[in-house]
Amino acid sequence: MTKLPRDVSGDEAVRAFKRAGYVLDHTVGSHAVLLHPSDPQKRLVVPLHRSIKVGTLSKLLKDAGLAVEEFIELL
């Protein structure tokens, strides 16, 4: 099992989720809201910080249905 990277920025995460099929809906303050076109109820709110905390990133991957290995490939 691969560990989550600890140095992923919000911008990098948004790019990876876009490669996974999500589209940027809008930004609110320092958070980007991404939606999945096939299911608008699948929504991710990604903090646009220099480094996303591991727990937050883990929850985002779980919500997106991505494995750690898949996410690392998308980075």
PDB file of N, CA and C in Angstrom:
ATOM      1  N   MET A   1       0.841  -1.176   0.000  1.00  0.00           N
ATOM      2  CA  MET A   1       0.000   0.000   0.000  1.00  0.00           C
ATOM      3  C   MET A   1       0.884   1.237   0.000  1.00  0.00           C
ATOM      4  N   THR A   2       0.574   2.142  -0.874  1.00  0.00           N
ATOM      5  CA  THR A   2       1.349   3.363  -1.016  1.00  0.00           C
ATOM      6  C   THR A   2       0.814   4.435  -0.072  1.00  0.00           C
ATOM      7  N   LYS A   3       1.736   5.170   0.523  1.00  0.00           N
ATOM      8  CA  LYS A   3       1.325   6.253   1.426  1.00  0.00           C
ATOM      9  C   LYS A   3       0.955   7.494   0.628  1.00  0.00           C
ATOM     10  N   LEU A   4       0.078   8.296   1.207  1.00  0.00           N
ATOM     11  CA  LEU A   4      -0.293   9.566   0.597  1.00  0.00           C
ATOM     12  C   LEU A   4       0.894  10.520   0.613  1.00  0.00           C
ATOM     13  N   PRO A   5       1.104  11.243  -0.476  1.00  0.00           N
ATOM     14  CA  PRO A   5       2.172  12.239  -0.455  1.00  0.00           C
ATOM     15  C   PRO A   5       1.807  13.382   0.491  1.00  0.00           C
ATOM     16  N   ARG A   6       2.794  13.934   1.155  1.00  0.00           N
ATOM     17  CA  ARG A   6       2.548  14.974   2.151  1.00  0.00           C
ATOM     18  C   ARG A   6       2.746  16.386   1.610  1.00  0.00           C
ATOM     19  N   ASP A   7       3.209  16.509   0.397  1.00  0.00           N
ATOM     20  CA  ASP A   7       3.529  17.842  -0.117  1.00  0.00           C
ATOM     21  C   ASP A   7       2.673  18.223  -1.322  1.00  0.00           C
ATOM     22  N   VAL A   8       1.414  17.811  -1.340  1.00  0.00           N
ATOM     23  CA  VAL A   8       0.513  18.119  -2.442  1.00  0.00           C
ATOM     24  C   VAL A   8      -0.163  19.468  -2.175  1.00  0.00           C
ATOM     25  N   SER A   9      -0.022  20.387  -3.123  1.00  0.00           N
ATOM     26  CA  SER A   9      -0.676  21.690  -2.970  1.00  0.00           C
ATOM     27  C   SER A   9      -2.116  21.591  -3.483  1.00  0.00           C
ATOM     28  N   GLY A  10      -2.894  22.589  -3.162  1.00  0.00           N
ATOM     29  CA  GLY A  10      -4.272  22.625  -3.626  1.00  0.00           C
ATOM     30  C   GLY A  10      -4.367  22.676  -5.138  1.00  0.00           C
ATOM     31  N   ASP A  11      -3.491  23.461  -5.763  1.00  0.00           N
ATOM     32  CA  ASP A  11      -3.494  23.566  -7.222  1.00  0.00           C
ATOM     33  C   ASP A  11      -3.153  22.229  -7.874  1.00  0.00           C
ATOM     34  N   GLU A  12      -2.182  21.509  -7.311  1.00  0.00           N
ATOM     35  CA  GLU A  12      -1.814  20.193  -7.850  1.00  0.00           C
ATOM     36  C   GLU A  12      -2.978  19.219  -7.711  1.00  0.00           C
ATOM     37  N   ALA A  13      -3.658  19.263  -6.578  1.00  0.00           N
ATOM     38  CA  ALA A  13      -4.799  18.369  -6.358  1.00  0.00           C
ATOM     39  C   ALA A  13      -5.927  18.668  -7.340  1.00  0.00           C
ATOM     40  N   VAL A  14      -6.194  19.949  -7.575  1.00  0.00           N
ATOM     41  CA  VAL A  14      -7.246  20.330  -8.525  1.00  0.00           C
ATOM     42  C   VAL A  14      -6.899  19.807  -9.915  1.00  0.00           C
ATOM     43  N   ARG A  15      -5.650  19.961 -10.344  1.00  0.00           N
ATOM     44  CA  ARG A  15      -5.234  19.455 -11.664  1.00  0.00           C
ATOM     45  C   ARG A  15      -5.419  17.940 -11.744  1.00  0.00           C
ATOM     46  N   ALA A  16      -5.058  17.225 -10.677  1.00  0.00           N
ATOM     47  CA  ALA A  16      -5.193  15.764 -10.672  1.00  0.00           C
ATOM     48  C   ALA A  16      -6.664  15.357 -10.751  1.00  0.00           C
ATOM     49  N   PHE A  17      -7.522  16.037  -9.993  1.00  0.00           N
ATOM     50  CA  PHE A  17      -8.944  15.700 -10.034  1.00  0.00           C
ATOM     51  C   PHE A  17      -9.557  16.044 -11.386  1.00  0.00           C
ATOM     52  N   LYS A  18      -9.056  17.097 -12.029  1.00  0.00           N
ATOM     53  CA  LYS A  18      -9.532  17.422 -13.382  1.00  0.00           C
ATOM     54  C   LYS A  18      -9.160  16.307 -14.353  1.00  0.00           C
ATOM     55  N   ARG A  19      -7.962  15.758 -14.205  1.00  0.00           N
ATOM     56  CA  ARG A  19      -7.538  14.643 -15.058  1.00  0.00           C
ATOM     57  C   ARG A  19      -8.394  13.406 -14.804  1.00  0.00           C
ATOM     58  N   ALA A  20      -8.972  13.314 -13.606  1.00  0.00           N
ATOM     59  CA  ALA A  20      -9.838  12.185 -13.252  1.00  0.00           C
ATOM     60  C   ALA A  20     -11.265  12.396 -13.743  1.00  0.00           C
ATOM     61  N   GLY A  21     -11.532  13.547 -14.354  1.00  0.00           N
ATOM     62  CA  GLY A  21     -12.848  13.780 -14.924  1.00  0.00           C
ATOM     63  C   GLY A  21     -13.676  14.856 -14.257  1.00  0.00           C
ATOM     64  N   TYR A  22     -13.189  15.423 -13.178  1.00  0.00           N
ATOM     65  CA  TYR A  22     -13.915  16.492 -12.498  1.00  0.00           C
ATOM     66  C   TYR A  22     -13.717  17.808 -13.245  1.00  0.00           C
ATOM     67  N   VAL A  23     -14.681  18.712 -13.107  1.00  0.00           N
ATOM     68  CA  VAL A  23     -14.566  20.037 -13.705  1.00  0.00           C
ATOM     69  C   VAL A  23     -14.703  21.086 -12.600  1.00  0.00           C
ATOM     70  N   LEU A  24     -13.985  22.180 -12.774  1.00  0.00           N
ATOM     71  CA  LEU A  24     -14.047  23.265 -11.803  1.00  0.00           C
ATOM     72  C   LEU A  24     -15.378  23.982 -11.968  1.00  0.00           C
ATOM     73  N   ASP A  25     -16.161  24.023 -10.902  1.00  0.00           N
ATOM     74  CA  ASP A  25     -17.455  24.700 -10.928  1.00  0.00           C
ATOM     75  C   ASP A  25     -17.267  26.163 -10.546  1.00  0.00           C
ATOM     76  N   HIS A  26     -16.652  26.395  -9.391  1.00  0.00           N
ATOM     77  CA  HIS A  26     -16.389  27.759  -8.948  1.00  0.00           C
ATOM     78  C   HIS A  26     -15.417  27.725  -7.776  1.00  0.00           C
ATOM     79  N   THR A  27     -14.959  28.903  -7.383  1.00  0.00           N
ATOM     80  CA  THR A  27     -14.121  29.004  -6.195  1.00  0.00           C
ATOM     81  C   THR A  27     -14.819  29.927  -5.202  1.00  0.00           C
ATOM     82  N   VAL A  28     -14.651  29.592  -3.940  1.00  0.00           N
ATOM     83  CA  VAL A  28     -15.196  30.402  -2.854  1.00  0.00           C
ATOM     84  C   VAL A  28     -14.038  30.660  -1.896  1.00  0.00           C
ATOM     85  N   GLY A  29     -13.585  31.895  -1.859  1.00  0.00           N
ATOM     86  CA  GLY A  29     -12.452  32.207  -1.001  1.00  0.00           C
ATOM     87  C   GLY A  29     -11.227  31.423  -1.441  1.00  0.00           C
ATOM     88  N   SER A  30     -10.699  30.603  -0.549  1.00  0.00           N
ATOM     89  CA  SER A  30      -9.516  29.815  -0.877  1.00  0.00           C
ATOM     90  C   SER A  30      -9.855  28.340  -1.090  1.00  0.00           C
ATOM     91  N   HIS A  31     -11.069  28.062  -1.578  1.00  0.00           N
ATOM     92  CA  HIS A  31     -11.486  26.688  -1.839  1.00  0.00           C
ATOM     93  C   HIS A  31     -12.057  26.568  -3.244  1.00  0.00           C
ATOM     94  N   ALA A  32     -11.664  25.516  -3.953  1.00  0.00           N
ATOM     95  CA  ALA A  32     -12.181  25.238  -5.288  1.00  0.00           C
ATOM     96  C   ALA A  32     -13.260  24.169  -5.177  1.00  0.00           C
ATOM     97  N   VAL A  33     -14.375  24.379  -5.858  1.00  0.00           N
ATOM     98  CA  VAL A  33     -15.466  23.411  -5.859  1.00  0.00           C
ATOM     99  C   VAL A  33     -15.461  22.717  -7.212  1.00  0.00           C
ATOM    100  N   LEU A  34     -15.276  21.392  -7.177  1.00  0.00           N
ATOM    101  CA  LEU A  34     -15.230  20.581  -8.389  1.00  0.00           C
ATOM    102  C   LEU A  34     -16.450  19.674  -8.440  1.00  0.00           C
ATOM    103  N   LEU A  35     -16.992  19.492  -9.641  1.00  0.00           N
ATOM    104  CA  LEU A  35     -18.136  18.607  -9.837  1.00  0.00           C
ATOM    105  C   LEU A  35     -17.774  17.549 -10.866  1.00  0.00           C
ATOM    106  N   HIS A  36     -18.412  16.392 -10.760  1.00  0.00           N
ATOM    107  CA  HIS A  36     -18.222  15.340 -11.752  1.00  0.00           C
ATOM    108  C   HIS A  36     -19.365  15.439 -12.745  1.00  0.00           C
ATOM    109  N   PRO A  37     -19.069  15.537 -14.057  1.00  0.00           N
ATOM    110  CA  PRO A  37     -20.124  15.753 -15.047  1.00  0.00           C
ATOM    111  C   PRO A  37     -21.169  14.642 -15.099  1.00  0.00           C
ATOM    112  N   SER A  38     -20.775  13.398 -14.840  1.00  0.00           N
ATOM    113  CA  SER A  38     -21.742  12.304 -14.917  1.00  0.00           C
ATOM    114  C   SER A  38     -22.643  12.241 -13.693  1.00  0.00           C
ATOM    115  N   ASP A  39     -22.206  12.814 -12.584  1.00  0.00           N
ATOM    116  CA  ASP A  39     -23.007  12.815 -11.365  1.00  0.00           C
ATOM    117  C   ASP A  39     -22.779  14.126 -10.610  1.00  0.00           C
ATOM    118  N   PRO A  40     -23.622  15.136 -10.846  1.00  0.00           N
ATOM    119  CA  PRO A  40     -23.418  16.441 -10.194  1.00  0.00           C
ATOM    120  C   PRO A  40     -23.460  16.385  -8.664  1.00  0.00           C
ATOM    121  N   GLN A  41     -23.974  15.310  -8.100  1.00  0.00           N
ATOM    122  CA  GLN A  41     -23.988  15.180  -6.646  1.00  0.00           C
ATOM    123  C   GLN A  41     -22.595  14.864  -6.100  1.00  0.00           C
ATOM    124  N   LYS A  42     -21.693  14.346  -6.968  1.00  0.00           N
ATOM    125  CA  LYS A  42     -20.310  14.092  -6.561  1.00  0.00           C
ATOM    126  C   LYS A  42     -19.577  15.426  -6.606  1.00  0.00           C
ATOM    127  N   ARG A  43     -19.363  16.002  -5.455  1.00  0.00           N
ATOM    128  CA  ARG A  43     -18.774  17.327  -5.351  1.00  0.00           C
ATOM    129  C   ARG A  43     -17.569  17.267  -4.424  1.00  0.00           C
ATOM    130  N   LEU A  44     -16.493  17.894  -4.834  1.00  0.00           N
ATOM    131  CA  LEU A  44     -15.282  17.970  -4.017  1.00  0.00           C
ATOM    132  C   LEU A  44     -14.984  19.426  -3.723  1.00  0.00           C
ATOM    133  N   VAL A  45     -14.633  19.716  -2.497  1.00  0.00           N
ATOM    134  CA  VAL A  45     -14.214  21.065  -2.114  1.00  0.00           C
ATOM    135  C   VAL A  45     -12.741  20.960  -1.709  1.00  0.00           C
ATOM    136  N   VAL A  46     -11.883  21.505  -2.557  1.00  0.00           N
ATOM    137  CA  VAL A  46     -10.438  21.384  -2.375  1.00  0.00           C
ATOM    138  C   VAL A  46      -9.873  22.706  -1.852  1.00  0.00           C
ATOM    139  N   PRO A  47      -9.204  22.673  -0.692  1.00  0.00           N
ATOM    140  CA  PRO A  47      -8.570  23.899  -0.193  1.00  0.00           C
ATOM    141  C   PRO A  47      -7.376  24.258  -1.072  1.00  0.00           C
ATOM    142  N   LEU A  48      -7.284  25.497  -1.466  1.00  0.00           N
ATOM    143  CA  LEU A  48      -6.196  25.952  -2.330  1.00  0.00           C
ATOM    144  C   LEU A  48      -5.034  26.469  -1.480  1.00  0.00           C
ATOM    145  N   HIS A  49      -4.499  25.584  -0.648  1.00  0.00           N
ATOM    146  CA  HIS A  49      -3.392  25.929   0.244  1.00  0.00           C
ATOM    147  C   HIS A  49      -2.084  25.415  -0.338  1.00  0.00           C
ATOM    148  N   ARG A  50      -0.975  25.850   0.235  1.00  0.00           N
ATOM    149  CA  ARG A  50       0.342  25.383  -0.231  1.00  0.00           C
ATOM    150  C   ARG A  50       0.499  23.887  -0.058  1.00  0.00           C
ATOM    151  N   SER A  51      -0.046  23.373   1.022  1.00  0.00           N
ATOM    152  CA  SER A  51       0.041  21.944   1.308  1.00  0.00           C
ATOM    153  C   SER A  51      -1.272  21.502   1.944  1.00  0.00           C
ATOM    154  N   ILE A  52      -1.874  20.464   1.365  1.00  0.00           N
ATOM    155  CA  ILE A  52      -3.132  19.933   1.906  1.00  0.00           C
ATOM    156  C   ILE A  52      -2.791  18.911   2.982  1.00  0.00           C
ATOM    157  N   LYS A  53      -3.471  18.977   4.112  1.00  0.00           N
ATOM    158  CA  LYS A  53      -3.235  18.024   5.187  1.00  0.00           C
ATOM    159  C   LYS A  53      -3.599  16.619   4.726  1.00  0.00           C
ATOM    160  N   VAL A  54      -2.899  15.623   5.266  1.00  0.00           N
ATOM    161  CA  VAL A  54      -3.065  14.237   4.849  1.00  0.00           C
ATOM    162  C   VAL A  54      -4.499  13.755   5.073  1.00  0.00           C
ATOM    163  N   GLY A  55      -5.094  14.103   6.193  1.00  0.00           N
ATOM    164  CA  GLY A  55      -6.462  13.675   6.473  1.00  0.00           C
ATOM    165  C   GLY A  55      -7.462  14.259   5.481  1.00  0.00           C
ATOM    166  N   THR A  56      -7.271  15.520   5.129  1.00  0.00           N
ATOM    167  CA  THR A  56      -8.139  16.175   4.149  1.00  0.00           C
ATOM    168  C   THR A  56      -7.984  15.527   2.786  1.00  0.00           C
ATOM    169  N   LEU A  57      -6.755  15.275   2.385  1.00  0.00           N
ATOM    170  CA  LEU A  57      -6.496  14.641   1.096  1.00  0.00           C
ATOM    171  C   LEU A  57      -7.076  13.233   1.057  1.00  0.00           C
ATOM    172  N   SER A  58      -6.940  12.506   2.155  1.00  0.00           N
ATOM    173  CA  SER A  58      -7.497  11.162   2.237  1.00  0.00           C
ATOM    174  C   SER A  58      -9.012  11.178   2.051  1.00  0.00           C
ATOM    175  N   LYS A  59      -9.681  12.120   2.688  1.00  0.00           N
ATOM    176  CA  LYS A  59     -11.137  12.246   2.556  1.00  0.00           C
ATOM    177  C   LYS A  59     -11.528  12.618   1.133  1.00  0.00           C
ATOM    178  N   LEU A  60     -10.770  13.495   0.497  1.00  0.00           N
ATOM    179  CA  LEU A  60     -11.057  13.872  -0.884  1.00  0.00           C
ATOM    180  C   LEU A  60     -10.931  12.667  -1.819  1.00  0.00           C
ATOM    181  N   LEU A  61      -9.903  11.857  -1.609  1.00  0.00           N
ATOM    182  CA  LEU A  61      -9.725  10.661  -2.440  1.00  0.00           C
ATOM    183  C   LEU A  61     -10.863   9.674  -2.224  1.00  0.00           C
ATOM    184  N   LYS A  62     -11.284   9.508  -0.978  1.00  0.00           N
ATOM    185  CA  LYS A  62     -12.394   8.613  -0.673  1.00  0.00           C
ATOM    186  C   LYS A  62     -13.678   9.107  -1.351  1.00  0.00           C
ATOM    187  N   ASP A  63     -13.939  10.409  -1.260  1.00  0.00           N
ATOM    188  CA  ASP A  63     -15.133  10.988  -1.881  1.00  0.00           C
ATOM    189  C   ASP A  63     -15.094  10.859  -3.405  1.00  0.00           C
ATOM    190  N   ALA A  64     -13.903  10.956  -3.987  1.00  0.00           N
ATOM    191  CA  ALA A  64     -13.753  10.866  -5.438  1.00  0.00           C
ATOM    192  C   ALA A  64     -13.723   9.418  -5.915  1.00  0.00           C
ATOM    193  N   GLY A  65     -13.534   8.476  -4.994  1.00  0.00           N
ATOM    194  CA  GLY A  65     -13.460   7.072  -5.371  1.00  0.00           C
ATOM    195  C   GLY A  65     -12.134   6.702  -6.021  1.00  0.00           C
ATOM    196  N   LEU A  66     -11.085   7.390  -5.626  1.00  0.00           N
ATOM    197  CA  LEU A  66      -9.757   7.133  -6.176  1.00  0.00           C
ATOM    198  C   LEU A  66      -8.866   6.447  -5.154  1.00  0.00           C
ATOM    199  N   ALA A  67      -8.059   5.532  -5.619  1.00  0.00           N
ATOM    200  CA  ALA A  67      -7.048   4.913  -4.773  1.00  0.00           C
ATOM    201  C   ALA A  67      -5.832   5.836  -4.730  1.00  0.00           C
ATOM    202  N   VAL A  68      -4.999   5.659  -3.729  1.00  0.00           N
ATOM    203  CA  VAL A  68      -3.803   6.490  -3.581  1.00  0.00           C
ATOM    204  C   VAL A  68      -2.920   6.356  -4.822  1.00  0.00           C
ATOM    205  N   GLU A  69      -2.752   5.142  -5.316  1.00  0.00           N
ATOM    206  CA  GLU A  69      -1.910   4.907  -6.483  1.00  0.00           C
ATOM    207  C   GLU A  69      -2.454   5.633  -7.703  1.00  0.00           C
ATOM    208  N   GLU A  70      -3.775   5.602  -7.894  1.00  0.00           N
ATOM    209  CA  GLU A  70      -4.396   6.308  -9.015  1.00  0.00           C
ATOM    210  C   GLU A  70      -4.153   7.804  -8.928  1.00  0.00           C
ATOM    211  N   PHE A  71      -4.307   8.341  -7.721  1.00  0.00           N
ATOM    212  CA  PHE A  71      -4.114   9.765  -7.519  1.00  0.00           C
ATOM    213  C   PHE A  71      -2.674  10.168  -7.817  1.00  0.00           C
ATOM    214  N   ILE A  72      -1.720   9.371  -7.354  1.00  0.00           N
ATOM    215  CA  ILE A  72      -0.305   9.676  -7.583  1.00  0.00           C
ATOM    216  C   ILE A  72      -0.005   9.681  -9.082  1.00  0.00           C
ATOM    217  N   GLU A  73      -0.601   8.765  -9.838  1.00  0.00           N
ATOM    218  CA  GLU A  73      -0.403   8.745 -11.289  1.00  0.00           C
ATOM    219  C   GLU A  73      -0.988   9.995 -11.940  1.00  0.00           C
ATOM    220  N   LEU A  74      -2.086  10.516 -11.394  1.00  0.00           N
ATOM    221  CA  LEU A  74      -2.725  11.696 -11.960  1.00  0.00           C
ATOM    222  C   LEU A  74      -1.953  12.984 -11.653  1.00  0.00           C
ATOM    223  N   LEU A  75      -1.116  12.938 -10.611  1.00  0.00           N
ATOM    224  CA  LEU A  75      -0.304  14.127 -10.289  1.00  0.00           C
ATOM    225  C   LEU A  75       0.687  14.322 -11.394  1.00  0.00           C
TER     226      LEU A  75
END
